[in-house]
């Protein structure tokens, strides 16, 4: 059974997009757990001025 170029390309593409999807999921999970941590930290601390919070968000 021989794959034509189109078939090979399709296989490669689907493999690549699967990998990308997996990376995206990992990244999203990391971000959401990070956000949860940030919320916990925020709740533990006294309220800070908004500008400070914006600053931390930008650098993080």
PDB file of N, CA and C in Angstrom:
ATOM      1  N   UNK A   1       0.848  -1.192   0.000  1.00  0.00           N
ATOM      2  CA  UNK A   1       0.000   0.000   0.000  1.00  0.00           C
ATOM      3  C   UNK A   1       0.889   1.250   0.000  1.00  0.00           C
ATOM      4  N   UNK A   2       0.730   2.066  -1.040  1.00  0.00           N
ATOM      5  CA  UNK A   2       1.603   3.225  -1.175  1.00  0.00           C
ATOM      6  C   UNK A   2       0.802   4.508  -1.021  1.00  0.00           C
ATOM      7  N   UNK A   3       1.313   5.405  -0.214  1.00  0.00           N
ATOM      8  CA  UNK A   3       0.626   6.683  -0.026  1.00  0.00           C
ATOM      9  C   UNK A   3       1.075   7.684  -1.071  1.00  0.00           C
ATOM     10  N   UNK A   4       0.111   8.389  -1.646  1.00  0.00           N
ATOM     11  CA  UNK A   4       0.455   9.476  -2.553  1.00  0.00           C
ATOM     12  C   UNK A   4       0.885  10.683  -1.735  1.00  0.00           C
ATOM     13  N   UNK A   5       1.474  11.680  -2.400  1.00  0.00           N
ATOM     14  CA  UNK A   5       1.937  12.882  -1.704  1.00  0.00           C
ATOM     15  C   UNK A   5       0.813  13.577  -0.927  1.00  0.00           C
ATOM     16  N   UNK A   6      -0.378  13.603  -1.519  1.00  0.00           N
ATOM     17  CA  UNK A   6      -1.503  14.278  -0.862  1.00  0.00           C
ATOM     18  C   UNK A   6      -1.841  13.569   0.448  1.00  0.00           C
ATOM     19  N   UNK A   7      -1.864  12.248   0.400  1.00  0.00           N
ATOM     20  CA  UNK A   7      -2.193  11.450   1.581  1.00  0.00           C
ATOM     21  C   UNK A   7      -1.146  11.659   2.675  1.00  0.00           C
ATOM     22  N   UNK A   8       0.125  11.605   2.275  1.00  0.00           N
ATOM     23  CA  UNK A   8       1.219  11.800   3.235  1.00  0.00           C
ATOM     24  C   UNK A   8       1.096  13.173   3.878  1.00  0.00           C
ATOM     25  N   UNK A   9       0.829  14.164   3.039  1.00  0.00           N
ATOM     26  CA  UNK A   9       0.681  15.530   3.524  1.00  0.00           C
ATOM     27  C   UNK A   9      -0.455  15.627   4.532  1.00  0.00           C
ATOM     28  N   UNK A  10      -1.572  14.963   4.206  1.00  0.00           N
ATOM     29  CA  UNK A  10      -2.736  14.999   5.091  1.00  0.00           C
ATOM     30  C   UNK A  10      -2.383  14.375   6.440  1.00  0.00           C
ATOM     31  N   UNK A  11      -1.675  13.245   6.396  1.00  0.00           N
ATOM     32  CA  UNK A  11      -1.274  12.565   7.628  1.00  0.00           C
ATOM     33  C   UNK A  11      -0.378  13.459   8.470  1.00  0.00           C
ATOM     34  N   UNK A  12       0.604  14.073   7.805  1.00  0.00           N
ATOM     35  CA  UNK A  12       1.527  14.958   8.518  1.00  0.00           C
ATOM     36  C   UNK A  12       0.775  16.120   9.155  1.00  0.00           C
ATOM     37  N   UNK A  13      -0.136  16.697   8.366  1.00  0.00           N
ATOM     38  CA  UNK A  13      -0.894  17.846   8.854  1.00  0.00           C
ATOM     39  C   UNK A  13      -1.718  17.471  10.072  1.00  0.00           C
ATOM     40  N   UNK A  14      -2.404  16.315   9.990  1.00  0.00           N
ATOM     41  CA  UNK A  14      -3.257  15.945  11.117  1.00  0.00           C
ATOM     42  C   UNK A  14      -2.405  15.639  12.341  1.00  0.00           C
ATOM     43  N   UNK A  15      -1.232  15.041  12.113  1.00  0.00           N
ATOM     44  CA  UNK A  15      -0.356  14.743  13.240  1.00  0.00           C
ATOM     45  C   UNK A  15       0.113  16.048  13.882  1.00  0.00           C
ATOM     46  N   UNK A  16       0.469  17.011  13.009  1.00  0.00           N
ATOM     47  CA  UNK A  16       0.970  18.295  13.507  1.00  0.00           C
ATOM     48  C   UNK A  16      -0.127  19.029  14.284  1.00  0.00           C
ATOM     49  N   UNK A  17      -1.347  19.034  13.736  1.00  0.00           N
ATOM     50  CA  UNK A  17      -2.423  19.764  14.406  1.00  0.00           C
ATOM     51  C   UNK A  17      -2.809  19.081  15.716  1.00  0.00           C
ATOM     52  N   UNK A  18      -2.695  17.754  15.743  1.00  0.00           N
ATOM     53  CA  UNK A  18      -2.956  17.046  17.000  1.00  0.00           C
ATOM     54  C   UNK A  18      -1.954  17.489  18.045  1.00  0.00           C
ATOM     55  N   UNK A  19      -0.689  17.588  17.651  1.00  0.00           N
ATOM     56  CA  UNK A  19       0.373  17.992  18.572  1.00  0.00           C
ATOM     57  C   UNK A  19       0.123  19.422  19.053  1.00  0.00           C
ATOM     58  N   UNK A  20      -0.237  20.278  18.105  1.00  0.00           N
ATOM     59  CA  UNK A  20      -0.526  21.668  18.448  1.00  0.00           C
ATOM     60  C   UNK A  20      -1.674  21.737  19.438  1.00  0.00           C
ATOM     61  N   UNK A  21      -2.715  20.940  19.172  1.00  0.00           N
ATOM     62  CA  UNK A  21      -3.876  20.926  20.063  1.00  0.00           C
ATOM     63  C   UNK A  21      -3.455  20.486  21.458  1.00  0.00           C
ATOM     64  N   UNK A  22      -2.601  19.458  21.512  1.00  0.00           N
ATOM     65  CA  UNK A  22      -2.152  18.950  22.802  1.00  0.00           C
ATOM     66  C   UNK A  22      -1.371  20.036  23.544  1.00  0.00           C
ATOM     67  N   UNK A  23      -0.486  20.728  22.811  1.00  0.00           N
ATOM     68  CA  UNK A  23       0.297  21.802  23.421  1.00  0.00           C
ATOM     69  C   UNK A  23      -0.613  22.909  23.934  1.00  0.00           C
ATOM     70  N   UNK A  24      -1.613  23.243  23.124  1.00  0.00           N
ATOM     71  CA  UNK A  24      -2.547  24.295  23.514  1.00  0.00           C
ATOM     72  C   UNK A  24      -3.271  23.922  24.794  1.00  0.00           C
ATOM     73  N   UNK A  25      -3.705  22.652  24.874  1.00  0.00           N
ATOM     74  CA  UNK A  25      -4.409  22.184  26.065  1.00  0.00           C
ATOM     75  C   UNK A  25      -3.502  22.280  27.289  1.00  0.00           C
ATOM     76  N   UNK A  26      -2.266  21.806  27.144  1.00  0.00           N
ATOM     77  CA  UNK A  26      -1.306  21.878  28.256  1.00  0.00           C
ATOM     78  C   UNK A  26      -1.126  23.321  28.697  1.00  0.00           C
ATOM     79  N   UNK A  27      -0.945  24.200  27.710  1.00  0.00           N
ATOM     80  CA  UNK A  27      -0.702  25.606  27.995  1.00  0.00           C
ATOM     81  C   UNK A  27      -1.904  26.212  28.719  1.00  0.00           C
ATOM     82  N   UNK A  28      -3.111  25.882  28.231  1.00  0.00           N
ATOM     83  CA  UNK A  28      -4.333  26.408  28.837  1.00  0.00           C
ATOM     84  C   UNK A  28      -4.462  25.938  30.272  1.00  0.00           C
ATOM     85  N   UNK A  29      -4.170  24.647  30.502  1.00  0.00           N
ATOM     86  CA  UNK A  29      -4.238  24.102  31.856  1.00  0.00           C
ATOM     87  C   UNK A  29      -3.256  24.823  32.764  1.00  0.00           C
ATOM     88  N   UNK A  30      -2.047  25.028  32.257  1.00  0.00           N
ATOM     89  CA  UNK A  30      -1.032  25.736  33.042  1.00  0.00           C
ATOM     90  C   UNK A  30      -1.522  27.134  33.387  1.00  0.00           C
ATOM     91  N   UNK A  31      -2.054  27.810  32.379  1.00  0.00           N
ATOM     92  CA  UNK A  31      -2.520  29.180  32.588  1.00  0.00           C
ATOM     93  C   UNK A  31      -3.643  29.213  33.621  1.00  0.00           C
ATOM     94  N   UNK A  32      -4.583  28.263  33.532  1.00  0.00           N
ATOM     95  CA  UNK A  32      -5.716  28.312  34.451  1.00  0.00           C
ATOM     96  C   UNK A  32      -5.291  27.948  35.864  1.00  0.00           C
ATOM     97  N   UNK A  33      -4.345  27.017  36.016  1.00  0.00           N
ATOM     98  CA  UNK A  33      -3.878  26.702  37.367  1.00  0.00           C
ATOM     99  C   UNK A  33      -3.083  27.882  37.911  1.00  0.00           C
ATOM    100  N   UNK A  34      -2.350  28.551  37.012  1.00  0.00           N
ATOM    101  CA  UNK A  34      -1.608  29.754  37.397  1.00  0.00           C
ATOM    102  C   UNK A  34      -2.594  30.834  37.856  1.00  0.00           C
ATOM    103  N   UNK A  35      -3.673  30.975  37.116  1.00  0.00           N
ATOM    104  CA  UNK A  35      -4.689  31.967  37.466  1.00  0.00           C
ATOM    105  C   UNK A  35      -5.307  31.644  38.821  1.00  0.00           C
ATOM    106  N   UNK A  36      -5.544  30.364  39.077  1.00  0.00           N
ATOM    107  CA  UNK A  36      -6.099  29.941  40.364  1.00  0.00           C
ATOM    108  C   UNK A  36      -5.134  30.292  41.493  1.00  0.00           C
ATOM    109  N   UNK A  37      -3.854  30.039  41.255  1.00  0.00           N
ATOM    110  CA  UNK A  37      -2.825  30.385  42.246  1.00  0.00           C
ATOM    111  C   UNK A  37      -2.829  31.891  42.500  1.00  0.00           C
ATOM    112  N   UNK A  38      -2.890  32.652  41.412  1.00  0.00           N
ATOM    113  CA  UNK A  38      -2.900  34.114  41.530  1.00  0.00           C
ATOM    114  C   UNK A  38      -4.086  34.586  42.361  1.00  0.00           C
ATOM    115  N   UNK A  39      -5.248  33.967  42.115  1.00  0.00           N
ATOM    116  CA  UNK A  39      -6.446  34.335  42.865  1.00  0.00           C
ATOM    117  C   UNK A  39      -6.262  34.041  44.343  1.00  0.00           C
ATOM    118  N   UNK A  40      -5.715  32.856  44.635  1.00  0.00           N
ATOM    119  CA  UNK A  40      -5.467  32.483  46.033  1.00  0.00           C
ATOM    120  C   UNK A  40      -4.550  33.510  46.680  1.00  0.00           C
ATOM    121  N   UNK A  41      -3.487  33.855  45.965  1.00  0.00           N
ATOM    122  CA  UNK A  41      -2.524  34.822  46.482  1.00  0.00           C
ATOM    123  C   UNK A  41      -3.200  36.176  46.711  1.00  0.00           C
ATOM    124  N   UNK A  42      -4.045  36.569  45.759  1.00  0.00           N
ATOM    125  CA  UNK A  42      -4.747  37.847  45.877  1.00  0.00           C
ATOM    126  C   UNK A  42      -5.665  37.849  47.089  1.00  0.00           C
ATOM    127  N   UNK A  43      -6.379  36.740  47.281  1.00  0.00           N
ATOM    128  CA  UNK A  43      -7.308  36.658  48.402  1.00  0.00           C
ATOM    129  C   UNK A  43      -6.569  36.663  49.729  1.00  0.00           C
ATOM    130  N   UNK A  44      -5.362  36.137  49.732  1.00  0.00           N
ATOM    131  CA  UNK A  44      -4.587  36.068  50.966  1.00  0.00           C
ATOM    132  C   UNK A  44      -4.014  37.435  51.338  1.00  0.00           C
ATOM    133  N   UNK A  45      -3.762  38.249  50.326  1.00  0.00           N
ATOM    134  CA  UNK A  45      -3.118  39.543  50.577  1.00  0.00           C
ATOM    135  C   UNK A  45      -4.139  40.643  50.786  1.00  0.00           C
ATOM    136  N   UNK A  46      -3.743  41.688  51.492  1.00  0.00           N
ATOM    137  CA  UNK A  46      -4.610  42.868  51.539  1.00  0.00           C
ATOM    138  C   UNK A  46      -4.735  43.456  50.128  1.00  0.00           C
ATOM    139  N   UNK A  47      -5.851  44.111  49.880  1.00  0.00           N
ATOM    140  CA  UNK A  47      -6.104  44.660  48.542  1.00  0.00           C
ATOM    141  C   UNK A  47      -5.047  45.715  48.193  1.00  0.00           C
ATOM    142  N   UNK A  48      -4.511  45.574  46.989  1.00  0.00           N
ATOM    143  CA  UNK A  48      -3.504  46.530  46.521  1.00  0.00           C
ATOM    144  C   UNK A  48      -4.128  47.467  45.503  1.00  0.00           C
ATOM    145  N   UNK A  49      -3.469  48.593  45.259  1.00  0.00           N
ATOM    146  CA  UNK A  49      -3.951  49.487  44.198  1.00  0.00           C
ATOM    147  C   UNK A  49      -3.983  48.754  42.852  1.00  0.00           C
ATOM    148  N   UNK A  50      -4.978  49.089  42.045  1.00  0.00           N
ATOM    149  CA  UNK A  50      -5.152  48.431  40.749  1.00  0.00           C
ATOM    150  C   UNK A  50      -3.892  48.539  39.891  1.00  0.00           C
ATOM    151  N   UNK A  51      -3.244  49.679  39.907  1.00  0.00           N
ATOM    152  CA  UNK A  51      -2.069  49.887  39.052  1.00  0.00           C
ATOM    153  C   UNK A  51      -0.990  48.842  39.338  1.00  0.00           C
ATOM    154  N   UNK A  52      -0.841  48.502  40.611  1.00  0.00           N
ATOM    155  CA  UNK A  52       0.150  47.496  40.991  1.00  0.00           C
ATOM    156  C   UNK A  52      -0.214  46.145  40.392  1.00  0.00           C
ATOM    157  N   UNK A  53      -1.503  45.803  40.458  1.00  0.00           N
ATOM    158  CA  UNK A  53      -1.974  44.529  39.922  1.00  0.00           C
ATOM    159  C   UNK A  53      -1.749  44.464  38.417  1.00  0.00           C
ATOM    160  N   UNK A  54      -2.059  45.564  37.748  1.00  0.00           N
ATOM    161  CA  UNK A  54      -1.872  45.626  36.295  1.00  0.00           C
ATOM    162  C   UNK A  54      -0.399  45.430  35.967  1.00  0.00           C
ATOM    163  N   UNK A  55       0.464  46.034  36.764  1.00  0.00           N
ATOM    164  CA  UNK A  55       1.902  45.926  36.559  1.00  0.00           C
ATOM    165  C   UNK A  55       2.361  44.471  36.664  1.00  0.00           C
ATOM    166  N   UNK A  56       1.906  43.763  37.714  1.00  0.00           N
ATOM    167  CA  UNK A  56       2.308  42.359  37.890  1.00  0.00           C
ATOM    168  C   UNK A  56       1.798  41.518  36.739  1.00  0.00           C
ATOM    169  N   UNK A  57       0.577  41.787  36.303  1.00  0.00           N
ATOM    170  CA  UNK A  57      -0.012  41.028  35.202  1.00  0.00           C
ATOM    171  C   UNK A  57       0.824  41.201  33.939  1.00  0.00           C
ATOM    172  N   UNK A  58       1.282  42.419  33.693  1.00  0.00           N
ATOM    173  CA  UNK A  58       2.039  42.703  32.484  1.00  0.00           C
ATOM    174  C   UNK A  58       3.393  41.998  32.508  1.00  0.00           C
ATOM    175  N   UNK A  59       4.049  42.018  33.659  1.00  0.00           N
ATOM    176  CA  UNK A  59       5.387  41.422  33.736  1.00  0.00           C
ATOM    177  C   UNK A  59       5.313  39.901  33.764  1.00  0.00           C
ATOM    178  N   UNK A  60       4.214  39.351  34.301  1.00  0.00           N
ATOM    179  CA  UNK A  60       4.080  37.906  34.408  1.00  0.00           C
ATOM    180  C   UNK A  60       3.717  37.335  33.086  1.00  0.00           C
TER     181      UNK A  60
END
